[in-house]
């Protein structure tokens, strides 16, 4: 697959974005979330300046990345939590790499100094992607929540910018 185009996520992408999100939910190793939120709720919780989609030559969404504020406290203004999802039809094709690279570059341009995420340890592909882009394991929350009646751990990864917030 050729390198996908990366562009800002639009409200009109929500149908495709939420379908990819639902794929992740169904797989069981991407999120505790089990229902697609309404666009309005999802939109309210994610920063507009750091949400992107990867699209193919026909403008079909292949994957997406977005961030949420870590905290409303001013001291944490440069820290965001990211979510990244790639369609099953585009996995292992470079889409995740392209999205992550774009997010890192754009977040640093906007002055964000820490990207943070929680990953189920069983999600080896996501762990590899994050590590490739400079994320480090900083902790593990054991039995933090139940998914489908099973207690799950979440590994905490963060990437500290060498450019922003230094």
Protein backbone atom coordinates (compact mmCIF):
# COMPACT_ATOMS: atom_id res chain seq x y z
CA UNK A 1 0.00 0.00 0.00
CA UNK A 2 1.22 3.51 -0.74
CA UNK A 3 1.57 6.03 2.04
CA UNK A 4 -1.92 7.29 2.90
CA UNK A 5 -2.86 10.94 2.86
CA UNK A 6 -3.36 12.40 6.33
CA UNK A 7 -5.89 15.17 6.84
CA UNK A 8 -7.90 16.77 9.61
CA UNK A 9 -10.86 14.71 10.77
CA UNK A 10 -14.22 16.23 9.85
CA UNK A 11 -17.65 15.61 11.32
CA UNK A 12 -18.60 14.03 7.99
CA UNK A 13 -15.96 11.33 8.66
CA UNK A 14 -17.74 10.15 11.80
CA UNK A 15 -19.55 7.27 10.10
CA UNK A 16 -16.27 5.74 8.89
CA UNK A 17 -14.33 6.72 12.03
CA UNK A 18 -16.94 5.19 14.32
CA UNK A 19 -17.04 2.00 12.20
CA UNK A 20 -13.27 1.61 12.67
CA UNK A 21 -13.69 2.36 16.37
CA UNK A 22 -16.37 -0.35 16.56
CA UNK A 23 -13.99 -2.85 14.90
CA UNK A 24 -11.54 -2.14 17.71
CA UNK A 25 -14.26 -2.67 20.30
CA UNK A 26 -15.24 -5.99 18.76
CA UNK A 27 -11.64 -7.21 18.73
CA UNK A 28 -11.53 -7.03 22.52
CA UNK A 29 -7.99 -5.65 22.90
CA UNK A 30 -8.39 -1.97 22.05
CA UNK A 31 -10.72 -0.34 24.59
CA UNK A 32 -13.00 -0.87 27.54
CA UNK A 33 -15.61 1.16 25.63
CA UNK A 34 -18.38 -1.06 24.30
CA UNK A 35 -20.73 1.41 22.62
CA UNK A 36 -20.08 4.02 19.98
CA UNK A 37 -20.72 7.45 21.47
CA UNK A 38 -22.78 10.05 19.67
CA UNK A 39 -20.67 12.41 17.56
CA UNK A 40 -21.53 15.31 19.88
CA UNK A 41 -20.19 13.47 22.94
CA UNK A 42 -17.05 12.25 21.19
CA UNK A 43 -16.43 15.68 19.68
CA UNK A 44 -16.74 17.40 23.05
CA UNK A 45 -14.07 15.14 24.58
CA UNK A 46 -11.39 15.47 21.87
CA UNK A 47 -9.23 18.43 20.87
CA UNK A 48 -10.13 19.69 17.41
CA UNK A 49 -6.59 20.69 16.47
CA UNK A 50 -5.22 17.17 16.99
CA UNK A 51 -7.58 14.75 15.28
CA UNK A 52 -6.62 13.25 11.95
CA UNK A 53 -7.67 10.56 9.51
CA UNK A 54 -5.63 8.56 7.02
CA UNK A 55 -7.43 8.21 3.70
CA UNK A 56 -6.86 6.25 0.52
CA UNK A 57 -6.96 7.59 -3.05
CA UNK A 58 -10.77 7.49 -2.96
CA UNK A 59 -10.91 9.45 0.34
CA UNK A 60 -12.05 6.36 2.27
CA UNK A 61 -10.93 6.49 5.90
CA UNK A 62 -8.32 3.84 6.73
CA UNK A 63 -7.59 4.91 10.29
CA UNK A 64 -7.73 7.77 12.74
CA UNK A 65 -5.94 9.35 15.67
CA UNK A 66 -7.23 11.89 18.18
CA UNK A 67 -6.31 13.28 21.57
CA UNK A 68 -8.14 14.22 24.75
CA UNK A 69 -6.90 16.59 27.43
CA UNK A 70 -5.19 14.71 30.26
CA UNK A 71 -6.50 17.16 32.82
CA UNK A 72 -8.24 20.54 32.99
CA UNK A 73 -5.57 21.81 35.39
CA UNK A 74 -3.33 24.42 33.74
CA UNK A 75 -0.11 22.68 34.82
CA UNK A 76 -1.02 19.76 32.51
CA UNK A 77 -1.90 21.89 29.45
CA UNK A 78 0.84 20.19 27.41
CA UNK A 79 -0.24 16.62 28.20
CA UNK A 80 -2.79 14.75 26.09
CA UNK A 81 -4.08 11.20 25.93
CA UNK A 82 -4.16 9.69 22.46
CA UNK A 83 -6.32 7.11 20.76
CA UNK A 84 -5.33 5.52 17.46
CA UNK A 85 -7.31 3.01 15.42
CA UNK A 86 -6.61 1.41 12.05
CA UNK A 87 -9.20 -0.43 9.98
CA UNK A 88 -8.70 -4.18 9.79
CA UNK A 89 -8.35 -3.84 6.00
CA UNK A 90 -5.40 -1.45 6.43
CA UNK A 91 -3.48 -2.96 9.35
CA UNK A 92 0.23 -3.67 8.84
CA UNK A 93 0.26 -1.34 5.82
CA UNK A 94 1.91 1.75 7.31
CA UNK A 95 -1.32 3.59 8.15
CA UNK A 96 -0.64 3.54 11.90
CA UNK A 97 2.93 4.74 11.32
CA UNK A 98 1.75 7.62 9.14
CA UNK A 99 -0.92 8.69 11.61
CA UNK A 100 1.41 8.49 14.59
CA UNK A 101 4.19 10.42 12.87
CA UNK A 102 1.74 13.14 11.86
CA UNK A 103 0.32 13.37 15.37
CA UNK A 104 3.76 13.61 16.95
CA UNK A 105 4.83 16.38 14.56
CA UNK A 106 1.62 18.37 14.91
CA UNK A 107 1.46 18.00 18.69
CA UNK A 108 4.99 19.35 19.04
CA UNK A 109 4.23 22.28 16.74
CA UNK A 110 1.34 23.14 19.06
CA UNK A 111 3.51 22.90 22.17
CA UNK A 112 2.31 19.61 23.63
CA UNK A 113 5.15 17.99 25.54
CA UNK A 114 3.70 14.62 26.56
CA UNK A 115 1.59 12.13 24.63
CA UNK A 116 0.10 9.50 26.90
CA UNK A 117 -1.90 6.32 26.27
CA UNK A 118 -3.13 3.17 27.96
CA UNK A 119 -2.80 -0.12 26.07
CA UNK A 120 -3.98 -3.62 26.93
CA UNK A 121 -0.75 -5.66 27.18
CA UNK A 122 -2.23 -8.25 24.80
CA UNK A 123 -2.40 -5.63 22.01
CA UNK A 124 1.12 -6.35 20.73
CA UNK A 125 0.65 -4.38 17.50
CA UNK A 126 -0.26 -1.21 19.36
CA UNK A 127 2.61 -1.68 21.81
CA UNK A 128 5.08 -2.04 18.90
CA UNK A 129 3.66 1.03 17.11
CA UNK A 130 3.96 3.22 20.18
CA UNK A 131 7.45 1.99 21.04
CA UNK A 132 8.57 2.64 17.46
CA UNK A 133 7.53 6.26 17.89
CA UNK A 134 9.38 6.82 21.15
CA UNK A 135 6.78 5.84 23.73
CA UNK A 136 8.08 4.25 26.91
CA UNK A 137 6.33 2.00 29.37
CA UNK A 138 5.85 4.00 32.58
CA UNK A 139 3.53 1.72 34.52
CA UNK A 140 0.93 -0.99 34.61
CA UNK A 141 -2.49 -0.74 36.19
CA UNK A 142 -3.41 -4.24 37.25
CA UNK A 143 -7.01 -5.42 37.10
CA UNK A 144 -8.11 -1.82 36.53
CA UNK A 145 -11.41 -2.73 34.88
CA UNK A 146 -13.56 -5.53 33.55
CA UNK A 147 -14.22 -6.16 29.90
CA UNK A 148 -16.87 -8.75 29.13
CA UNK A 149 -16.61 -10.04 32.69
CA UNK A 150 -12.80 -10.44 32.66
CA UNK A 151 -10.44 -8.26 34.72
CA UNK A 152 -7.92 -6.52 32.46
CA UNK A 153 -4.61 -4.77 33.00
CA UNK A 154 -3.65 -1.59 31.17
CA UNK A 155 -0.05 -0.63 30.42
CA UNK A 156 0.69 3.09 30.51
CA UNK A 157 2.94 4.52 27.80
CA UNK A 158 4.10 8.06 27.28
CA UNK A 159 6.25 9.98 24.85
CA UNK A 160 8.03 13.05 26.10
CA UNK A 161 8.90 15.56 23.38
CA UNK A 162 12.52 16.57 22.92
CA UNK A 163 11.27 19.79 21.26
CA UNK A 164 8.14 21.06 23.01
CA UNK A 165 8.11 22.03 26.66
CA UNK A 166 11.86 21.75 27.09
